[in-house]
Each structure stands twice: as C-alpha cells, then as structure tokens.
Amino acid sequence: MDNGPNITNELLERITIVLENINQKQNVELTENQGLETFHRNNPQKFKGDFNPDGAQSWIAEIEKIFMAMSCVDANRVTFVTFMLVEEAKNW
C-alpha cells in the first residue's frame, strides 16, 4: 500500500495551517502598530508624574477620551499609556 499521496496531502495541510497562522500574527502586529500611530495623531500629552491630583485626573480623562474614540482594546491601552510616561512617572 502506497501512502505517498496521503502523506503529501497531510504535509501540505500542515504547511498551509502554519502559513495561515504566521499571516494572522503579522496582521495583528500591523494593526497594533497602526493603533499606536493613530493614538499619536491625537496628540496626547505626556505625563511627568508631578504631584498634581487635578492634573493627573485631567490627563487620564484626556487619554480615555482618545481610547474611546479609537475603540482601543485594553492590551493596547497599557502599551500606549506606558509610552506616554516620562521623567518621574517613567520610573513607576
């Protein structure tokens, strides 16, 4: 019994699955990069970490407004906000 064609078909199916997974991952990474660009186009202020509770609340409200407009997912929110922390706040 020759299993050559069956093995070949099985290998082709596995290769196809691997290539589809790679393509999906690349699309996700591209979308995340585009999200960061969109976030920056909204000109969010950087947060320095000064002791100013009212300023901090205002900064948070501004950032949340941008996220709502972008329909930003939680995982990206953390990345984007971390990028906006500077000076003292960067060391938190």
PDB file of N, CA and C in Angstrom:
ATOM      1  N   MET A   1       0.832  -1.168   0.000  1.00  0.00           N
ATOM      2  CA  MET A   1       0.000   0.000   0.000  1.00  0.00           C
ATOM      3  C   MET A   1       0.886   1.244   0.000  1.00  0.00           C
ATOM      4  N   ASP A   2       0.662   2.117  -0.942  1.00  0.00           N
ATOM      5  CA  ASP A   2       1.458   3.330  -1.074  1.00  0.00           C
ATOM      6  C   ASP A   2       0.745   4.498  -0.397  1.00  0.00           C
ATOM      7  N   ASN A   3       1.374   5.051   0.645  1.00  0.00           N
ATOM      8  CA  ASN A   3       0.793   6.172   1.377  1.00  0.00           C
ATOM      9  C   ASN A   3       1.371   7.501   0.911  1.00  0.00           C
ATOM     10  N   GLY A   4       2.131   7.510  -0.148  1.00  0.00           N
ATOM     11  CA  GLY A   4       2.786   8.717  -0.631  1.00  0.00           C
ATOM     12  C   GLY A   4       1.849   9.898  -0.807  1.00  0.00           C
ATOM     13  N   PRO A   5       0.760   9.760  -1.573  1.00  0.00           N
ATOM     14  CA  PRO A   5      -0.148  10.893  -1.770  1.00  0.00           C
ATOM     15  C   PRO A   5      -0.803  11.354  -0.461  1.00  0.00           C
ATOM     16  N   ASN A   6      -1.139  10.407   0.413  1.00  0.00           N
ATOM     17  CA  ASN A   6      -1.762  10.774   1.692  1.00  0.00           C
ATOM     18  C   ASN A   6      -0.800  11.584   2.555  1.00  0.00           C
ATOM     19  N   ILE A   7       0.454  11.138   2.605  1.00  0.00           N
ATOM     20  CA  ILE A   7       1.458  11.849   3.404  1.00  0.00           C
ATOM     21  C   ILE A   7       1.698  13.228   2.808  1.00  0.00           C
ATOM     22  N   THR A   8       1.772  13.311   1.502  1.00  0.00           N
ATOM     23  CA  THR A   8       1.980  14.593   0.834  1.00  0.00           C
ATOM     24  C   THR A   8       0.825  15.545   1.133  1.00  0.00           C
ATOM     25  N   ASN A   9      -0.392  15.068   1.045  1.00  0.00           N
ATOM     26  CA  ASN A   9      -1.557  15.914   1.335  1.00  0.00           C
ATOM     27  C   ASN A   9      -1.559  16.375   2.794  1.00  0.00           C
ATOM     28  N   GLU A  10      -1.205  15.470   3.688  1.00  0.00           N
ATOM     29  CA  GLU A  10      -1.164  15.814   5.114  1.00  0.00           C
ATOM     30  C   GLU A  10      -0.100  16.886   5.375  1.00  0.00           C
ATOM     31  N   LEU A  11       1.067  16.733   4.764  1.00  0.00           N
ATOM     32  CA  LEU A  11       2.119  17.734   4.920  1.00  0.00           C
ATOM     33  C   LEU A  11       1.696  19.083   4.350  1.00  0.00           C
ATOM     34  N   LEU A  12       1.051  19.071   3.202  1.00  0.00           N
ATOM     35  CA  LEU A  12       0.576  20.312   2.601  1.00  0.00           C
ATOM     36  C   LEU A  12      -0.463  21.003   3.498  1.00  0.00           C
ATOM     37  N   GLU A  13      -1.328  20.215   4.097  1.00  0.00           N
ATOM     38  CA  GLU A  13      -2.324  20.784   5.007  1.00  0.00           C
ATOM     39  C   GLU A  13      -1.646  21.419   6.224  1.00  0.00           C
ATOM     40  N   ARG A  14      -0.654  20.752   6.771  1.00  0.00           N
ATOM     41  CA  ARG A  14       0.061  21.296   7.937  1.00  0.00           C
ATOM     42  C   ARG A  14       0.818  22.577   7.569  1.00  0.00           C
ATOM     43  N   ILE A  15       1.464  22.576   6.412  1.00  0.00           N
ATOM     44  CA  ILE A  15       2.196  23.763   5.960  1.00  0.00           C
ATOM     45  C   ILE A  15       1.222  24.929   5.766  1.00  0.00           C
ATOM     46  N   THR A  16       0.064  24.639   5.206  1.00  0.00           N
ATOM     47  CA  THR A  16      -0.950  25.673   4.998  1.00  0.00           C
ATOM     48  C   THR A  16      -1.392  26.271   6.318  1.00  0.00           C
ATOM     49  N   ILE A  17      -1.607  25.438   7.323  1.00  0.00           N
ATOM     50  CA  ILE A  17      -2.022  25.916   8.646  1.00  0.00           C
ATOM     51  C   ILE A  17      -0.942  26.803   9.254  1.00  0.00           C
ATOM     52  N   VAL A  18       0.305  26.376   9.164  1.00  0.00           N
ATOM     53  CA  VAL A  18       1.413  27.164   9.713  1.00  0.00           C
ATOM     54  C   VAL A  18       1.496  28.517   9.012  1.00  0.00           C
ATOM     55  N   LEU A  19       1.400  28.533   7.693  1.00  0.00           N
ATOM     56  CA  LEU A  19       1.471  29.787   6.940  1.00  0.00           C
ATOM     57  C   LEU A  19       0.300  30.709   7.270  1.00  0.00           C
ATOM     58  N   GLU A  20      -0.885  30.152   7.455  1.00  0.00           N
ATOM     59  CA  GLU A  20      -2.044  30.971   7.831  1.00  0.00           C
ATOM     60  C   GLU A  20      -1.837  31.594   9.215  1.00  0.00           C
ATOM     61  N   ASN A  21      -1.286  30.817  10.147  1.00  0.00           N
ATOM     62  CA  ASN A  21      -1.019  31.343  11.488  1.00  0.00           C
ATOM     63  C   ASN A  21       0.009  32.473  11.449  1.00  0.00           C
ATOM     64  N   ILE A  22       1.042  32.306  10.647  1.00  0.00           N
ATOM     65  CA  ILE A  22       2.066  33.351  10.512  1.00  0.00           C
ATOM     66  C   ILE A  22       1.434  34.609   9.928  1.00  0.00           C
ATOM     67  N   ASN A  23       0.606  34.444   8.911  1.00  0.00           N
ATOM     68  CA  ASN A  23      -0.048  35.585   8.275  1.00  0.00           C
ATOM     69  C   ASN A  23      -0.956  36.313   9.261  1.00  0.00           C
ATOM     70  N   GLN A  24      -1.706  35.580  10.065  1.00  0.00           N
ATOM     71  CA  GLN A  24      -2.591  36.198  11.055  1.00  0.00           C
ATOM     72  C   GLN A  24      -1.783  36.980  12.085  1.00  0.00           C
ATOM     73  N   LYS A  25      -0.669  36.419  12.524  1.00  0.00           N
ATOM     74  CA  LYS A  25       0.170  37.107  13.509  1.00  0.00           C
ATOM     75  C   LYS A  25       0.722  38.401  12.921  1.00  0.00           C
ATOM     76  N   GLN A  26       1.154  38.376  11.684  1.00  0.00           N
ATOM     77  CA  GLN A  26       1.681  39.583  11.045  1.00  0.00           C
ATOM     78  C   GLN A  26       0.601  40.645  10.914  1.00  0.00           C
ATOM     79  N   ASN A  27      -0.630  40.231  10.622  1.00  0.00           N
ATOM     80  CA  ASN A  27      -1.729  41.182  10.515  1.00  0.00           C
ATOM     81  C   ASN A  27      -2.034  41.821  11.863  1.00  0.00           C
ATOM     82  N   VAL A  28      -1.962  41.051  12.948  1.00  0.00           N
ATOM     83  CA  VAL A  28      -2.202  41.583  14.288  1.00  0.00           C
ATOM     84  C   VAL A  28      -1.122  42.603  14.634  1.00  0.00           C
ATOM     85  N   GLU A  29       0.140  42.281  14.364  1.00  0.00           N
ATOM     86  CA  GLU A  29       1.238  43.203  14.653  1.00  0.00           C
ATOM     87  C   GLU A  29       1.087  44.491  13.844  1.00  0.00           C
ATOM     88  N   LEU A  30       0.681  44.383  12.603  1.00  0.00           N
ATOM     89  CA  LEU A  30       0.488  45.555  11.762  1.00  0.00           C
ATOM     90  C   LEU A  30      -0.620  46.434  12.337  1.00  0.00           C
ATOM     91  N   THR A  31      -1.712  45.820  12.765  1.00  0.00           N
ATOM     92  CA  THR A  31      -2.827  46.562  13.355  1.00  0.00           C
ATOM     93  C   THR A  31      -2.388  47.271  14.623  1.00  0.00           C
ATOM     94  N   GLU A  32      -1.586  46.609  15.475  1.00  0.00           N
ATOM     95  CA  GLU A  32      -1.119  47.235  16.706  1.00  0.00           C
ATOM     96  C   GLU A  32      -0.247  48.447  16.392  1.00  0.00           C
ATOM     97  N   ASN A  33       0.633  48.335  15.401  1.00  0.00           N
ATOM     98  CA  ASN A  33       1.481  49.465  15.022  1.00  0.00           C
ATOM     99  C   ASN A  33       0.638  50.613  14.482  1.00  0.00           C
ATOM    100  N   GLN A  34      -0.365  50.305  13.693  1.00  0.00           N
ATOM    101  CA  GLN A  34      -1.242  51.345  13.176  1.00  0.00           C
ATOM    102  C   GLN A  34      -2.001  52.010  14.324  1.00  0.00           C
ATOM    103  N   GLY A  35      -2.362  51.245  15.357  1.00  0.00           N
ATOM    104  CA  GLY A  35      -3.052  51.795  16.512  1.00  0.00           C
ATOM    105  C   GLY A  35      -2.194  52.805  17.240  1.00  0.00           C
ATOM    106  N   LEU A  36      -0.913  52.534  17.384  1.00  0.00           N
ATOM    107  CA  LEU A  36      -0.001  53.461  18.038  1.00  0.00           C
ATOM    108  C   LEU A  36       0.119  54.748  17.224  1.00  0.00           C
ATOM    109  N   GLU A  37       0.187  54.618  15.915  1.00  0.00           N
ATOM    110  CA  GLU A  37       0.242  55.805  15.056  1.00  0.00           C
ATOM    111  C   GLU A  37      -1.035  56.633  15.199  1.00  0.00           C
ATOM    112  N   THR A  38      -2.174  55.981  15.221  1.00  0.00           N
ATOM    113  CA  THR A  38      -3.453  56.682  15.388  1.00  0.00           C
ATOM    114  C   THR A  38      -3.497  57.382  16.733  1.00  0.00           C
ATOM    115  N   PHE A  39      -3.039  56.692  17.770  1.00  0.00           N
ATOM    116  CA  PHE A  39      -3.003  57.271  19.107  1.00  0.00           C
ATOM    117  C   PHE A  39      -2.168  58.549  19.117  1.00  0.00           C
ATOM    118  N   HIS A  40      -1.009  58.508  18.501  1.00  0.00           N
ATOM    119  CA  HIS A  40      -0.116  59.673  18.477  1.00  0.00           C
ATOM    120  C   HIS A  40      -0.670  60.827  17.644  1.00  0.00           C
ATOM    121  N   ARG A  41      -1.457  60.526  16.633  1.00  0.00           N
ATOM    122  CA  ARG A  41      -2.058  61.583  15.827  1.00  0.00           C
ATOM    123  C   ARG A  41      -3.044  62.428  16.628  1.00  0.00           C
ATOM    124  N   ASN A  42      -3.526  61.888  17.749  1.00  0.00           N
ATOM    125  CA  ASN A  42      -4.441  62.633  18.614  1.00  0.00           C
ATOM    126  C   ASN A  42      -3.697  63.559  19.571  1.00  0.00           C
ATOM    127  N   ASN A  43      -2.373  63.595  19.465  1.00  0.00           N
ATOM    128  CA  ASN A  43      -1.519  64.469  20.275  1.00  0.00           C
ATOM    129  C   ASN A  43      -1.761  64.361  21.782  1.00  0.00           C
ATOM    130  N   PRO A  44      -1.687  63.146  22.334  1.00  0.00           N
ATOM    131  CA  PRO A  44      -1.871  63.024  23.779  1.00  0.00           C
ATOM    132  C   PRO A  44      -0.695  63.666  24.519  1.00  0.00           C
ATOM    133  N   GLN A  45      -0.984  64.258  25.663  1.00  0.00           N
ATOM    134  CA  GLN A  45       0.073  64.869  26.454  1.00  0.00           C
ATOM    135  C   GLN A  45       0.872  63.781  27.159  1.00  0.00           C
ATOM    136  N   LYS A  46       2.133  64.049  27.361  1.00  0.00           N
ATOM    137  CA  LYS A  46       2.966  63.147  28.153  1.00  0.00           C
ATOM    138  C   LYS A  46       2.690  63.430  29.624  1.00  0.00           C
ATOM    139  N   PHE A  47       2.858  62.410  30.456  1.00  0.00           N
ATOM    140  CA  PHE A  47       2.611  62.572  31.888  1.00  0.00           C
ATOM    141  C   PHE A  47       3.932  62.456  32.630  1.00  0.00           C
ATOM    142  N   LYS A  48       4.272  63.500  33.393  1.00  0.00           N
ATOM    143  CA  LYS A  48       5.559  63.561  34.089  1.00  0.00           C
ATOM    144  C   LYS A  48       5.529  62.950  35.479  1.00  0.00           C
ATOM    145  N   GLY A  49       4.362  62.864  36.083  1.00  0.00           N
ATOM    146  CA  GLY A  49       4.276  62.268  37.411  1.00  0.00           C
ATOM    147  C   GLY A  49       4.368  63.275  38.531  1.00  0.00           C
ATOM    148  N   ASP A  50       4.270  64.569  38.215  1.00  0.00           N
ATOM    149  CA  ASP A  50       4.285  65.597  39.249  1.00  0.00           C
ATOM    150  C   ASP A  50       3.107  65.387  40.191  1.00  0.00           C
ATOM    151  N   PHE A  51       3.270  65.838  41.447  1.00  0.00           N
ATOM    152  CA  PHE A  51       2.176  65.721  42.398  1.00  0.00           C
ATOM    153  C   PHE A  51       1.158  66.816  42.098  1.00  0.00           C
ATOM    154  N   ASN A  52       0.179  66.435  41.327  1.00  0.00           N
ATOM    155  CA  ASN A  52      -0.893  67.343  40.944  1.00  0.00           C
ATOM    156  C   ASN A  52      -2.121  66.479  40.661  1.00  0.00           C
ATOM    157  N   PRO A  53      -2.900  66.155  41.698  1.00  0.00           N
ATOM    158  CA  PRO A  53      -4.051  65.255  41.511  1.00  0.00           C
ATOM    159  C   PRO A  53      -5.030  65.727  40.432  1.00  0.00           C
ATOM    160  N   ASP A  54      -5.299  67.025  40.374  1.00  0.00           N
ATOM    161  CA  ASP A  54      -6.222  67.531  39.359  1.00  0.00           C
ATOM    162  C   ASP A  54      -5.635  67.364  37.955  1.00  0.00           C
ATOM    163  N   GLY A  55      -4.342  67.630  37.823  1.00  0.00           N
ATOM    164  CA  GLY A  55      -3.679  67.455  36.535  1.00  0.00           C
ATOM    165  C   GLY A  55      -3.670  65.995  36.106  1.00  0.00           C
ATOM    166  N   ALA A  56      -3.463  65.103  37.074  1.00  0.00           N
ATOM    167  CA  ALA A  56      -3.462  63.669  36.769  1.00  0.00           C
ATOM    168  C   ALA A  56      -4.849  63.219  36.303  1.00  0.00           C
ATOM    169  N   GLN A  57      -5.890  63.671  36.992  1.00  0.00           N
ATOM    170  CA  GLN A  57      -7.259  63.312  36.605  1.00  0.00           C
ATOM    171  C   GLN A  57      -7.580  63.845  35.209  1.00  0.00           C
ATOM    172  N   SER A  58      -7.141  65.049  34.929  1.00  0.00           N
ATOM    173  CA  SER A  58      -7.367  65.652  33.617  1.00  0.00           C
ATOM    174  C   SER A  58      -6.645  64.859  32.531  1.00  0.00           C
ATOM    175  N   TRP A  59      -5.402  64.448  32.821  1.00  0.00           N
ATOM    176  CA  TRP A  59      -4.613  63.671  31.858  1.00  0.00           C
ATOM    177  C   TRP A  59      -5.301  62.333  31.580  1.00  0.00           C
ATOM    178  N   ILE A  60      -5.755  61.672  32.637  1.00  0.00           N
ATOM    179  CA  ILE A  60      -6.437  60.378  32.476  1.00  0.00           C
ATOM    180  C   ILE A  60      -7.692  60.542  31.636  1.00  0.00           C
ATOM    181  N   ALA A  61      -8.472  61.579  31.916  1.00  0.00           N
ATOM    182  CA  ALA A  61      -9.708  61.815  31.156  1.00  0.00           C
ATOM    183  C   ALA A  61      -9.402  62.047  29.674  1.00  0.00           C
ATOM    184  N   GLU A  62      -8.339  62.797  29.396  1.00  0.00           N
ATOM    185  CA  GLU A  62      -7.957  63.062  28.004  1.00  0.00           C
ATOM    186  C   GLU A  62      -7.561  61.765  27.295  1.00  0.00           C
ATOM    187  N   ILE A  63      -6.751  60.956  27.969  1.00  0.00           N
ATOM    188  CA  ILE A  63      -6.297  59.691  27.373  1.00  0.00           C
ATOM    189  C   ILE A  63      -7.484  58.751  27.153  1.00  0.00           C
ATOM    190  N   GLU A  64      -8.380  58.656  28.137  1.00  0.00           N
ATOM    191  CA  GLU A  64      -9.549  57.779  27.997  1.00  0.00           C
ATOM    192  C   GLU A  64     -10.451  58.232  26.849  1.00  0.00           C
ATOM    193  N   LYS A  65     -10.566  59.526  26.655  1.00  0.00           N
ATOM    194  CA  LYS A  65     -11.368  60.061  25.548  1.00  0.00           C
ATOM    195  C   LYS A  65     -10.789  59.606  24.207  1.00  0.00           C
ATOM    196  N   ILE A  66      -9.473  59.662  24.089  1.00  0.00           N
ATOM    197  CA  ILE A  66      -8.813  59.192  22.861  1.00  0.00           C
ATOM    198  C   ILE A  66      -9.062  57.707  22.665  1.00  0.00           C
ATOM    199  N   PHE A  67      -8.910  56.916  23.739  1.00  0.00           N
ATOM    200  CA  PHE A  67      -9.129  55.472  23.640  1.00  0.00           C
ATOM    201  C   PHE A  67     -10.553  55.144  23.216  1.00  0.00           C
ATOM    202  N   MET A  68     -11.516  55.869  23.750  1.00  0.00           N
ATOM    203  CA  MET A  68     -12.913  55.627  23.381  1.00  0.00           C
ATOM    204  C   MET A  68     -13.126  55.915  21.896  1.00  0.00           C
ATOM    205  N   ALA A  69     -12.571  57.005  21.411  1.00  0.00           N
ATOM    206  CA  ALA A  69     -12.721  57.362  20.000  1.00  0.00           C
ATOM    207  C   ALA A  69     -12.066  56.333  19.087  1.00  0.00           C
ATOM    208  N   MET A  70     -10.972  55.727  19.574  1.00  0.00           N
ATOM    209  CA  MET A  70     -10.244  54.729  18.782  1.00  0.00           C
ATOM    210  C   MET A  70     -10.826  53.329  18.927  1.00  0.00           C
ATOM    211  N   SER A  71     -11.731  53.111  19.883  1.00  0.00           N
ATOM    212  CA  SER A  71     -12.198  51.762  20.237  1.00  0.00           C
ATOM    213  C   SER A  71     -10.991  50.883  20.566  1.00  0.00           C
ATOM    214  N   CYS A  72     -10.095  51.421  21.366  1.00  0.00           N
ATOM    215  CA  CYS A  72      -8.827  50.776  21.697  1.00  0.00           C
ATOM    216  C   CYS A  72      -9.041  49.622  22.686  1.00  0.00           C
ATOM    217  N   VAL A  73      -8.444  48.474  22.413  1.00  0.00           N
ATOM    218  CA  VAL A  73      -8.552  47.323  23.308  1.00  0.00           C
ATOM    219  C   VAL A  73      -7.650  47.517  24.521  1.00  0.00           C
ATOM    220  N   ASP A  74      -7.996  46.867  25.628  1.00  0.00           N
ATOM    221  CA  ASP A  74      -7.276  47.055  26.892  1.00  0.00           C
ATOM    222  C   ASP A  74      -5.779  46.764  26.786  1.00  0.00           C
ATOM    223  N   ALA A  75      -5.420  45.716  26.080  1.00  0.00           N
ATOM    224  CA  ALA A  75      -4.000  45.352  25.970  1.00  0.00           C
ATOM    225  C   ALA A  75      -3.195  46.481  25.329  1.00  0.00           C
ATOM    226  N   ASN A  76      -3.754  47.140  24.344  1.00  0.00           N
ATOM    227  CA  ASN A  76      -3.056  48.250  23.687  1.00  0.00           C
ATOM    228  C   ASN A  76      -3.045  49.489  24.562  1.00  0.00           C
ATOM    229  N   ARG A  77      -4.077  49.680  25.363  1.00  0.00           N
ATOM    230  CA  ARG A  77      -4.141  50.849  26.243  1.00  0.00           C
ATOM    231  C   ARG A  77      -2.928  50.891  27.163  1.00  0.00           C
ATOM    232  N   VAL A  78      -2.593  49.760  27.735  1.00  0.00           N
ATOM    233  CA  VAL A  78      -1.445  49.705  28.651  1.00  0.00           C
ATOM    234  C   VAL A  78      -0.164  50.091  27.912  1.00  0.00           C
ATOM    235  N   THR A  79       0.028  49.554  26.743  1.00  0.00           N
ATOM    236  CA  THR A  79       1.228  49.859  25.950  1.00  0.00           C
ATOM    237  C   THR A  79       1.283  51.335  25.601  1.00  0.00           C
ATOM    238  N   PHE A  80       0.179  51.881  25.131  1.00  0.00           N
ATOM    239  CA  PHE A  80       0.155  53.271  24.698  1.00  0.00           C
ATOM    240  C   PHE A  80       0.384  54.219  25.867  1.00  0.00           C
ATOM    241  N   VAL A  81      -0.283  53.964  27.003  1.00  0.00           N
ATOM    242  CA  VAL A  81      -0.128  54.842  28.172  1.00  0.00           C
ATOM    243  C   VAL A  81       1.295  54.770  28.703  1.00  0.00           C
ATOM    244  N   THR A  82       1.866  53.585  28.756  1.00  0.00           N
ATOM    245  CA  THR A  82       3.237  53.434  29.228  1.00  0.00           C
ATOM    246  C   THR A  82       4.182  54.264  28.382  1.00  0.00           C
ATOM    247  N   PHE A  83       3.921  54.339  27.109  1.00  0.00           N
ATOM    248  CA  PHE A  83       4.746  55.120  26.195  1.00  0.00           C
ATOM    249  C   PHE A  83       4.676  56.617  26.500  1.00  0.00           C
ATOM    250  N   MET A  84       3.588  57.065  27.129  1.00  0.00           N
ATOM    251  CA  MET A  84       3.384  58.486  27.410  1.00  0.00           C
ATOM    252  C   MET A  84       3.944  58.906  28.770  1.00  0.00           C
ATOM    253  N   LEU A  85       4.421  57.961  29.561  1.00  0.00           N
ATOM    254  CA  LEU A  85       5.002  58.300  30.864  1.00  0.00           C
ATOM    255  C   LEU A  85       6.452  58.749  30.682  1.00  0.00           C
ATOM    256  N   VAL A  86       6.775  59.923  31.224  1.00  0.00           N
ATOM    257  CA  VAL A  86       8.125  60.474  31.106  1.00  0.00           C
ATOM    258  C   VAL A  86       8.612  60.936  32.473  1.00  0.00           C
ATOM    259  N   GLU A  87       9.878  61.265  32.535  1.00  0.00           N
ATOM    260  CA  GLU A  87      10.530  61.774  33.741  1.00  0.00           C
ATOM    261  C   GLU A  87      10.226  60.881  34.940  1.00  0.00           C
ATOM    262  N   GLU A  88       9.700  61.444  36.011  1.00  0.00           N
ATOM    263  CA  GLU A  88       9.454  60.686  37.240  1.00  0.00           C
ATOM    264  C   GLU A  88       8.447  59.551  37.035  1.00  0.00           C
ATOM    265  N   ALA A  89       7.422  59.789  36.263  1.00  0.00           N
ATOM    266  CA  ALA A  89       6.376  58.789  36.040  1.00  0.00           C
ATOM    267  C   ALA A  89       6.922  57.559  35.308  1.00  0.00           C
ATOM    268  N   LYS A  90       7.963  57.736  34.522  1.00  0.00           N
ATOM    269  CA  LYS A  90       8.559  56.631  33.767  1.00  0.00           C
ATOM    270  C   LYS A  90       9.157  55.569  34.700  1.00  0.00           C
ATOM    271  N   ASN A  91       9.523  55.967  35.903  1.00  0.00           N
ATOM    272  CA  ASN A  91      10.153  55.039  36.853  1.00  0.00           C
ATOM    273  C   ASN A  91       9.154  54.328  37.770  1.00  0.00           C
ATOM    274  N   TRP A  92       7.877  54.552  37.597  1.00  0.00           N
ATOM    275  CA  TRP A  92       6.886  53.943  38.488  1.00  0.00           C
ATOM    276  C   TRP A  92       6.870  52.463  38.307  1.00  0.00           C
TER     277      TRP A  92
END
